[in-house]
Amino acid sequence: MAYFFVAYLGVVRRKEWPRFFRFHVVMGMLLEIALQVIGTVSRWMPLAIYWGKLGMHFWTAVAFAYLFTVLECIRCALAGMYADFPFVGDAAYIQIPYD
């Protein structure tokens, strides 16, 4: 939790860092929060579903979706583009103050 506040206050809110870098820091934090929310909510499911065949397929799908989303973000960052994912990209734009 401490690194979240350090990254948010030390990188995202400081205008000395380039806007492009601040956007990708926020995007990474939002994707990690989304994964933590999915993990927390899935623990509320019954154990027969969570540990059964359905749970195995669910976590495989989540892992592939998360992996490909992170790889797309890395590809966009290295290419010098903004990653445009629905909801997450908009939330990242909102968090960065305009100069």
Protein backbone atom coordinates (compact mmCIF):
# COMPACT_ATOMS: atom_id res chain seq x y z
CA MET A 1 0.00 0.00 0.00
CA ALA A 2 2.90 2.33 0.73
CA TYR A 3 4.33 2.03 -2.78
CA PHE A 4 0.93 3.01 -4.19
CA PHE A 5 0.96 6.31 -2.31
CA VAL A 6 4.62 6.94 -3.13
CA ALA A 7 4.02 6.29 -6.83
CA TYR A 8 0.80 8.31 -6.90
CA LEU A 9 2.06 11.32 -4.97
CA GLY A 10 5.68 11.16 -6.13
CA VAL A 11 5.15 10.44 -9.82
CA VAL A 12 1.57 10.98 -10.94
CA ARG A 13 0.89 14.29 -9.20
CA ARG A 14 4.28 15.84 -9.98
CA LYS A 15 4.32 17.81 -13.19
CA GLU A 16 8.09 17.44 -13.54
CA TRP A 17 7.60 13.93 -14.92
CA PRO A 18 6.39 13.62 -18.54
CA ARG A 19 2.66 13.13 -18.97
CA PHE A 20 3.27 9.95 -20.97
CA PHE A 21 5.21 8.34 -18.09
CA ARG A 22 2.62 9.42 -15.51
CA PHE A 23 -0.16 7.91 -17.63
CA HIS A 24 1.53 4.51 -17.77
CA VAL A 25 2.24 4.53 -14.03
CA VAL A 26 -1.45 5.15 -13.34
CA MET A 27 -2.43 2.50 -15.88
CA GLY A 28 -0.23 -0.08 -14.13
CA MET A 29 -1.69 0.77 -10.73
CA LEU A 30 -5.26 0.53 -12.03
CA LEU A 31 -4.62 -2.85 -13.66
CA GLU A 32 -3.14 -4.18 -10.42
CA ILE A 33 -6.12 -2.91 -8.43
CA ALA A 34 -8.47 -4.61 -10.89
CA LEU A 35 -6.65 -7.92 -10.45
CA GLN A 36 -6.80 -7.59 -6.66
CA VAL A 37 -10.54 -6.84 -6.78
CA ILE A 38 -11.17 -9.92 -8.95
CA GLY A 39 -9.15 -12.05 -6.54
CA THR A 40 -10.99 -10.73 -3.49
CA VAL A 41 -14.45 -11.09 -5.00
CA SER A 42 -13.74 -14.60 -6.27
CA ARG A 43 -12.95 -15.77 -2.74
CA TRP A 44 -16.61 -15.19 -1.88
CA MET A 45 -17.67 -17.88 -4.36
CA PRO A 46 -18.48 -21.36 -3.02
CA LEU A 47 -15.45 -23.66 -2.82
CA ALA A 48 -16.99 -26.14 -5.27
CA ILE A 49 -16.95 -23.43 -7.93
CA TYR A 50 -13.73 -21.71 -6.82
CA TRP A 51 -11.61 -24.86 -6.73
CA GLY A 52 -13.52 -26.89 -9.31
CA LYS A 53 -13.28 -27.08 -13.06
CA LEU A 54 -15.18 -23.82 -13.51
CA GLY A 55 -12.71 -22.05 -11.22
CA MET A 56 -9.78 -23.44 -13.17
CA HIS A 57 -11.20 -22.13 -16.45
CA PHE A 58 -12.07 -18.79 -14.86
CA TRP A 59 -8.55 -18.23 -13.52
CA THR A 60 -6.99 -19.36 -16.79
CA ALA A 61 -9.09 -16.82 -18.68
CA VAL A 62 -8.28 -14.08 -16.16
CA ALA A 63 -4.56 -14.88 -16.37
CA PHE A 64 -4.50 -14.76 -20.17
CA ALA A 65 -6.57 -11.56 -20.32
CA TYR A 66 -4.35 -9.88 -17.73
CA LEU A 67 -1.15 -11.08 -19.42
CA PHE A 68 -2.18 -9.85 -22.85
CA THR A 69 -3.42 -6.54 -21.42
CA VAL A 70 -0.08 -5.94 -19.70
CA LEU A 71 1.84 -6.94 -22.83
CA GLU A 72 -0.26 -4.52 -24.89
CA CYS A 73 0.48 -1.74 -22.38
CA ILE A 74 4.20 -2.51 -22.59
CA ARG A 75 4.06 -2.55 -26.38
CA CYS A 76 2.28 0.81 -26.47
CA ALA A 77 4.72 2.32 -23.96
CA LEU A 78 7.75 1.18 -25.97
CA ALA A 79 6.17 2.44 -29.21
CA GLY A 80 5.46 5.85 -27.64
CA MET A 81 1.68 5.52 -27.76
CA TYR A 82 -1.02 5.74 -25.13
CA ALA A 83 -2.67 2.39 -24.36
CA ASP A 84 -6.39 2.78 -25.00
CA PHE A 85 -8.42 0.28 -23.00
CA PRO A 86 -12.07 0.96 -22.23
CA PHE A 87 -12.69 2.35 -18.74
CA VAL A 88 -9.09 1.84 -17.56
CA GLY A 89 -7.59 4.28 -20.06
CA ASP A 90 -10.25 6.87 -19.28
CA ALA A 91 -9.68 6.48 -15.56
CA ALA A 92 -5.94 6.91 -16.08
CA TYR A 93 -6.49 10.11 -18.10
CA ILE A 94 -8.69 11.52 -15.34
CA GLN A 95 -6.06 10.97 -12.64
CA ILE A 96 -3.35 12.98 -14.40
CA PRO A 97 -3.64 16.74 -13.80
CA TYR A 98 -3.35 18.97 -16.85
CA ASP A 99 -0.34 21.24 -17.04
